[in-house]
Amino acid sequence: MGRAFPDASKQFAAFIHDLFKAVASTPQVSLVYTLAIGKDDKAVDAYKEENERAAAAMSEAESVAVRSTTPLNPTEEDETPNVLRARLFEAVDLDAAKEVIAGYSQVWNANRDTLPADAADPELRDRFARSYPLHPKLLEMPTEKTSSLSTFQRTRGMLRLLARTIHHLWRIQSPDAASIHSHHMDPAFEPIRTEINVKLGQGQYAPAVKSDVAAVAGDEPSLAQRIDAQKYPGLPPVTAYVARTIFWHTLAYDSARGITAELKLSVCSPALEPSFIEQAREVCWTEGRGTDPRRARLSTKNGLHLQRTAPRAQAGWHHDGDVHP
């Protein structure tokens, strides 16, 4: 359009002004519009320039229009699980959900001394019932962590990531997937990797992901994949699950990066006991010193990484605080 009518964009702001005035002066008429704009009023998709120009024109028109705009959020926090389930699944077996949640509850209750306090909170089970087959901690991660990135559009971004994850799980038929966790979002799966590097603009983590978290089939296995093959053959890939969970919690703004005691609760399931998860974590990472020694995150720089069975420096895993062997 811009090439065919090079002066058309100059008339857009005037058109929006007239449109707002016409709507404001007409009874029982509303104007509804959406823009692919992030929290900092910046667009990142293929129509970046057009979206930002439209946003500027809308903002200018709002300041002079007789009727002001009312921002609407169609997916409030408590509605998000319902929206995601309706968009992602044709049907959800609620009887199966009760059985699955009961299995998780047994694991949480038996390990309440080593899990965060909300493992014993009935609210966690209520949230699980509303979100099943999506694990409640899976939904917390994009809401509380990834959403702090200006490149992440919460509802659409969550739908894309989850749709790709469900497709991948359905294809590989993972036997331990009683529900869908954040560790099931595999960065080695090309559509998910593209979402990370292109849509979220987090390509700076690609070398560390390939080295330590999830290598693409045909490449040399990542550190987590090698540990699982050597130490846990025939078992769920717990080290890879821990590594993926830490990576996804790294995709956040500044102080929100990383994960602490929530790691075990996020990964554990009827097939994965919290003690098994802790064992896998300890194989790879030394304890740090400081106020928050167990906040694990992925670093794009040469953070010290110690594999106790074969110590060597790695670009990747990092614990806040001074690290010691």
Protein backbone atom coordinates (compact mmCIF):
# COMPACT_ATOMS: atom_id res chain seq x y z
CA MET A 1 0.00 0.00 0.00
CA GLY A 2 2.81 2.38 0.92
CA ARG A 3 4.55 1.79 -2.42
CA ALA A 4 1.36 2.19 -4.48
CA PHE A 5 0.22 5.32 -2.61
CA PRO A 6 3.33 6.88 -1.03
CA ASP A 7 1.40 9.83 0.43
CA ALA A 8 -1.41 7.75 1.93
CA SER A 9 0.30 7.31 5.30
CA LYS A 10 0.41 11.11 5.74
CA GLN A 11 -3.39 11.15 5.68
CA PHE A 12 -3.83 8.39 8.25
CA ALA A 13 -3.79 10.62 11.33
CA ALA A 14 -6.37 12.95 9.80
CA PHE A 15 -8.55 9.99 8.88
CA ILE A 16 -8.40 8.65 12.45
CA HIS A 17 -9.35 12.10 13.82
CA ASP A 18 -12.40 12.21 11.57
CA LEU A 19 -13.32 8.62 12.40
CA PHE A 20 -13.18 9.27 16.15
CA LYS A 21 -15.33 12.39 15.79
CA ALA A 22 -17.88 10.55 13.65
CA VAL A 23 -18.17 7.73 16.17
CA ALA A 24 -18.35 10.13 19.12
CA SER A 25 -21.21 12.06 17.52
CA THR A 26 -23.27 9.02 16.53
CA PRO A 27 -25.59 7.38 19.10
CA GLN A 28 -25.13 3.69 19.88
CA VAL A 29 -21.92 3.39 17.90
CA SER A 30 -18.57 2.21 19.24
CA LEU A 31 -15.17 1.85 17.64
CA VAL A 32 -13.18 -1.23 18.68
CA TYR A 33 -9.57 -1.60 17.57
CA THR A 34 -6.51 -3.65 18.50
CA LEU A 35 -2.83 -3.00 17.87
CA ALA A 36 0.17 -5.35 18.08
CA ILE A 37 1.97 -3.06 20.49
CA GLY A 38 4.03 -4.04 23.55
CA LYS A 39 4.14 -2.45 26.98
CA ASP A 40 6.63 0.21 25.85
CA ASP A 41 4.44 1.20 22.86
CA LYS A 42 6.85 -0.57 20.51
CA ALA A 43 5.88 -3.17 17.92
CA VAL A 44 8.07 -6.13 17.01
CA ASP A 45 6.26 -8.04 14.28
CA ALA A 46 6.43 -7.77 10.49
CA TYR A 47 4.22 -4.64 10.54
CA LYS A 48 6.25 -2.82 13.18
CA GLU A 49 6.26 0.56 11.44
CA GLU A 50 2.55 0.43 10.58
CA ASN A 51 1.50 -0.56 14.10
CA GLU A 52 3.57 2.17 15.73
CA ARG A 53 2.23 4.78 13.28
CA ALA A 54 -1.33 3.65 14.02
CA ALA A 55 -0.70 3.78 17.78
CA ALA A 56 0.62 7.34 17.53
CA ALA A 57 -2.38 8.43 15.46
CA MET A 58 -4.82 6.77 17.88
CA SER A 59 -3.17 8.43 20.86
CA GLU A 60 -3.34 11.84 19.21
CA ALA A 61 -6.97 11.34 18.21
CA GLU A 62 -7.92 10.23 21.74
CA SER A 63 -6.61 13.50 23.15
CA VAL A 64 -9.00 15.58 21.03
CA ALA A 65 -11.96 13.25 20.62
CA VAL A 66 -15.18 14.10 22.41
CA ARG A 67 -15.49 10.56 23.75
CA SER A 68 -12.41 9.06 25.41
CA THR A 69 -11.37 5.48 24.88
CA THR A 70 -11.80 2.69 27.41
CA PRO A 71 -9.01 0.08 27.40
CA LEU A 72 -10.43 -3.44 27.74
CA ASN A 73 -8.55 -6.56 28.77
CA PRO A 74 -10.58 -9.54 27.50
CA THR A 75 -8.47 -12.01 29.45
CA GLU A 76 -8.34 -11.11 33.13
CA GLU A 77 -6.16 -13.33 35.32
CA ASP A 78 -8.96 -15.66 36.44
CA GLU A 79 -10.26 -16.06 32.88
CA THR A 80 -6.95 -16.93 31.24
CA PRO A 81 -7.12 -20.73 31.88
CA ASN A 82 -10.63 -20.90 30.43
CA VAL A 83 -9.60 -18.94 27.34
CA LEU A 84 -6.52 -21.11 26.78
CA ARG A 85 -8.41 -24.38 27.25
CA ALA A 86 -11.17 -23.30 24.89
CA ARG A 87 -8.69 -22.29 22.20
CA LEU A 88 -6.30 -25.22 22.56
CA PHE A 89 -8.51 -28.28 23.21
CA GLU A 90 -11.69 -29.60 21.66
CA ALA A 91 -12.68 -31.13 24.99
CA VAL A 92 -11.22 -31.73 28.47
CA ASP A 93 -12.04 -34.88 30.44
CA LEU A 94 -12.95 -33.47 33.86
CA ASP A 95 -13.18 -36.92 35.44
CA ALA A 96 -9.63 -37.65 34.33
CA ALA A 97 -8.63 -34.24 35.70
CA LYS A 98 -9.79 -35.22 39.21
CA GLU A 99 -7.74 -38.41 39.09
CA VAL A 100 -4.64 -36.63 37.83
CA ILE A 101 -4.88 -33.81 40.39
CA ALA A 102 -5.31 -36.40 43.16
CA GLY A 103 -2.03 -37.99 42.03
CA TYR A 104 -0.24 -34.65 42.17
CA SER A 105 -1.77 -33.92 45.58
CA GLN A 106 -0.30 -37.14 46.95
CA VAL A 107 3.16 -36.10 45.80
CA TRP A 108 2.74 -32.58 47.22
CA ASN A 109 1.43 -33.81 50.57
CA ALA A 110 4.14 -36.44 50.96
CA ASN A 111 6.86 -33.85 50.27
CA ARG A 112 5.39 -30.75 51.90
CA ASP A 113 8.47 -30.32 54.11
CA THR A 114 10.72 -29.86 51.07
CA LEU A 115 8.33 -27.98 48.78
CA PRO A 116 7.21 -24.32 48.90
CA ALA A 117 4.30 -23.47 51.19
CA ASP A 118 1.74 -23.22 48.39
CA ALA A 119 2.12 -26.97 47.76
CA ALA A 120 -0.10 -27.46 50.81
CA ASP A 121 -2.53 -24.69 49.87
CA PRO A 122 -5.93 -25.92 48.61
CA GLU A 123 -5.93 -22.94 46.24
CA LEU A 124 -3.21 -24.64 44.17
CA ARG A 125 -5.52 -27.61 43.62
CA ASP A 126 -8.42 -25.31 42.73
CA ARG A 127 -6.25 -23.53 40.19
CA PHE A 128 -5.15 -26.87 38.77
CA ALA A 129 -8.79 -27.92 38.34
CA ARG A 130 -9.45 -24.72 36.36
CA SER A 131 -6.34 -25.03 34.20
CA TYR A 132 -6.00 -28.81 33.63
CA PRO A 133 -4.34 -30.22 31.55
CA LEU A 134 -2.11 -27.15 31.93
CA HIS A 135 -0.10 -27.22 35.16
CA PRO A 136 -0.81 -24.10 37.30
CA LYS A 137 2.90 -23.32 37.58
CA LEU A 138 3.13 -23.39 33.80
CA LEU A 139 0.61 -20.54 33.63
CA GLU A 140 2.36 -18.59 36.38
CA MET A 141 5.61 -18.52 34.42
CA PRO A 142 4.47 -16.48 31.37
CA THR A 143 2.17 -14.35 33.54
CA GLU A 144 4.80 -13.40 36.12
CA LYS A 145 8.07 -13.80 34.23
CA THR A 146 7.80 -13.74 30.42
CA SER A 147 5.17 -11.01 30.47
CA SER A 148 7.80 -8.62 31.88
CA LEU A 149 9.45 -8.70 28.42
CA SER A 150 8.18 -5.96 26.13
CA THR A 151 8.30 -8.42 23.21
CA PHE A 152 5.79 -10.81 24.80
CA GLN A 153 2.10 -10.35 24.06
CA ARG A 154 0.56 -12.37 26.82
CA THR A 155 -2.52 -14.09 25.42
CA ARG A 156 -1.34 -14.51 21.83
CA GLY A 157 2.19 -15.37 22.95
CA MET A 158 0.93 -17.99 25.39
CA LEU A 159 -1.36 -19.49 22.77
CA ARG A 160 1.45 -19.81 20.24
CA LEU A 161 3.88 -21.39 22.70
CA LEU A 162 1.32 -23.77 24.15
CA ALA A 163 -0.02 -24.81 20.74
CA ARG A 164 3.51 -25.71 19.62
CA THR A 165 4.15 -27.54 22.91
CA ILE A 166 0.95 -29.58 22.66
CA HIS A 167 1.74 -30.48 19.05
CA HIS A 168 5.21 -31.65 20.08
CA LEU A 169 3.92 -33.65 23.08
CA TRP A 170 1.27 -35.31 20.95
CA ARG A 171 3.90 -36.25 18.41
CA ILE A 172 6.40 -37.75 20.88
CA GLN A 173 3.75 -39.21 23.26
CA SER A 174 5.76 -38.46 26.41
CA PRO A 175 4.76 -41.15 28.97
CA ASP A 176 5.38 -38.93 32.03
CA ALA A 177 3.20 -36.02 30.86
CA ALA A 178 0.30 -36.35 33.31
CA SER A 179 -0.18 -32.62 32.72
CA ILE A 180 1.65 -30.00 30.68
CA HIS A 181 4.57 -28.34 32.51
CA SER A 182 6.94 -25.59 31.50
CA HIS A 183 9.64 -28.24 31.01
CA HIS A 184 7.59 -29.73 28.18
CA MET A 185 8.28 -26.58 26.13
CA ASP A 186 11.36 -27.96 24.42
CA PRO A 187 13.71 -25.36 22.87
CA ALA A 188 15.11 -28.09 20.62
CA PHE A 189 11.76 -28.22 18.79
CA GLU A 190 12.17 -25.81 15.87
CA PRO A 191 8.82 -23.95 16.12
CA ILE A 192 9.44 -23.28 19.84
CA ARG A 193 13.04 -22.27 19.16
CA THR A 194 11.81 -19.82 16.53
CA GLU A 195 9.32 -18.38 19.01
CA ILE A 196 12.17 -17.76 21.47
CA ASN A 197 14.69 -16.33 19.03
CA VAL A 198 12.39 -14.37 16.70
CA LYS A 199 9.09 -13.53 18.39
CA LEU A 200 10.56 -12.96 21.85
CA GLY A 201 13.86 -11.64 20.49
CA GLN A 202 15.91 -13.75 22.91
CA GLY A 203 18.40 -15.18 20.40
CA GLN A 204 21.30 -14.16 22.66
CA TYR A 205 20.61 -17.31 24.70
CA ALA A 206 20.88 -19.66 21.71
CA PRO A 207 24.53 -20.73 22.27
CA ALA A 208 23.96 -21.47 25.98
CA VAL A 209 20.71 -23.32 25.22
CA LYS A 210 22.46 -25.47 22.62
CA SER A 211 25.41 -26.16 24.92
CA ASP A 212 23.65 -26.79 28.23
CA VAL A 213 19.88 -27.17 27.79
CA ALA A 214 18.61 -28.69 24.56
CA ALA A 215 20.61 -29.41 21.43
CA VAL A 216 18.87 -30.00 18.11
CA ALA A 217 18.72 -33.58 16.87
CA GLY A 218 21.87 -34.34 14.91
CA ASP A 219 24.04 -31.95 16.94
CA GLU A 220 26.21 -32.94 19.89
CA PRO A 221 23.89 -33.47 22.88
CA SER A 222 23.65 -30.69 25.42
CA LEU A 223 25.13 -31.09 28.89
CA ALA A 224 21.69 -31.84 30.39
CA GLN A 225 21.01 -34.46 27.73
CA ARG A 226 24.38 -36.14 28.32
CA ILE A 227 23.81 -36.30 32.07
CA ASP A 228 20.40 -37.92 31.57
CA ALA A 229 21.86 -40.50 29.17
CA GLN A 230 24.72 -41.33 31.55
CA LYS A 231 23.00 -41.20 34.93
CA TYR A 232 19.30 -41.80 34.29
CA PRO A 233 18.97 -44.13 31.27
CA GLY A 234 15.43 -45.40 30.82
CA LEU A 235 14.00 -42.75 33.18
CA PRO A 236 12.28 -39.43 32.41
CA PRO A 237 14.92 -36.87 31.33
CA VAL A 238 14.86 -35.07 34.67
CA THR A 239 18.07 -33.06 34.12
CA ALA A 240 16.73 -31.75 30.81
CA TYR A 241 13.43 -30.89 32.54
CA VAL A 242 15.26 -28.96 35.26
CA ALA A 243 17.42 -27.18 32.67
CA ARG A 244 14.43 -26.19 30.51
CA THR A 245 12.50 -24.90 33.53
CA ILE A 246 15.41 -22.73 34.61
CA PHE A 247 15.79 -21.43 31.07
CA TRP A 248 12.12 -20.42 30.75
CA HIS A 249 12.29 -18.62 34.09
CA THR A 250 15.38 -16.78 32.84
CA LEU A 251 13.32 -15.12 30.10
CA ALA A 252 12.23 -12.18 32.24
CA TYR A 253 13.19 -8.62 33.01
CA ASP A 254 16.18 -8.04 35.31
CA SER A 255 15.46 -9.10 38.92
CA ALA A 256 12.63 -11.45 37.87
CA ARG A 257 15.08 -13.74 36.08
CA GLY A 258 15.62 -17.19 37.50
CA ILE A 259 13.87 -19.59 39.84
CA THR A 260 14.43 -20.56 43.46
CA ALA A 261 12.53 -23.08 45.62
CA GLU A 262 9.68 -23.12 43.08
CA LEU A 263 11.84 -25.30 40.82
CA LYS A 264 10.88 -28.60 42.48
CA LEU A 265 7.18 -27.73 42.62
CA SER A 266 7.23 -26.69 38.96
CA VAL A 267 8.84 -29.93 37.77
CA CYS A 268 7.55 -32.63 40.14
CA SER A 269 4.71 -34.93 39.13
CA PRO A 270 3.45 -38.44 39.94
CA ALA A 271 6.30 -39.69 37.74
CA LEU A 272 8.98 -37.37 39.19
CA GLU A 273 9.55 -37.15 42.93
CA PRO A 274 10.97 -33.85 44.28
CA SER A 275 14.01 -35.69 45.70
CA PHE A 276 14.82 -36.97 42.19
CA ILE A 277 14.60 -33.42 40.86
CA GLU A 278 16.89 -32.12 43.60
CA GLN A 279 19.39 -34.88 42.86
CA ALA A 280 19.46 -33.91 39.19
CA ARG A 281 19.98 -30.27 40.08
CA GLU A 282 22.84 -31.05 42.45
CA VAL A 283 24.65 -33.10 39.82
CA CYS A 284 25.19 -29.96 37.80
CA TRP A 285 25.29 -26.97 40.08
CA THR A 286 27.25 -26.07 43.17
CA GLU A 287 25.59 -24.16 45.98
CA GLY A 288 26.10 -20.40 45.95
CA ARG A 289 26.60 -18.09 48.89
CA GLY A 290 24.50 -14.99 49.52
CA THR A 291 20.98 -13.95 50.36
CA ASP A 292 19.41 -16.05 47.60
CA PRO A 293 21.91 -18.81 46.82
CA ARG A 294 19.57 -21.12 44.94
CA ARG A 295 18.27 -18.69 42.31
CA ALA A 296 19.30 -20.51 39.16
CA ARG A 297 19.24 -18.85 35.77
CA LEU A 298 20.86 -19.14 32.37
CA SER A 299 23.59 -16.65 31.52
CA THR A 300 24.61 -15.50 28.06
CA LYS A 301 28.13 -14.89 29.38
CA ASN A 302 30.74 -17.31 30.66
CA GLY A 303 29.17 -18.09 34.00
CA LEU A 304 30.91 -20.77 36.06
CA HIS A 305 29.26 -24.14 35.68
CA LEU A 306 30.48 -27.18 37.56
CA GLN A 307 29.50 -30.72 36.71
CA ARG A 308 30.67 -32.61 39.77
CA THR A 309 31.49 -35.78 37.87
CA ALA A 310 33.68 -33.89 35.38
CA PRO A 311 34.36 -30.27 36.46
CA ARG A 312 34.81 -27.82 33.64
CA ALA A 313 33.84 -24.25 32.85
CA GLN A 314 30.63 -23.80 30.89
CA ALA A 315 28.88 -20.89 29.25
CA GLY A 316 25.50 -21.05 30.84
CA TRP A 317 24.31 -21.94 34.30
CA HIS A 318 24.79 -19.40 37.02
CA HIS A 319 23.83 -19.06 40.67
CA ASP A 320 23.45 -15.59 42.15
CA GLY A 321 26.18 -14.97 44.71
CA ASP A 322 29.76 -16.15 44.82
CA VAL A 323 30.11 -19.63 43.38
CA HIS A 324 32.48 -22.13 44.93
CA PRO A 325 33.36 -25.73 44.02
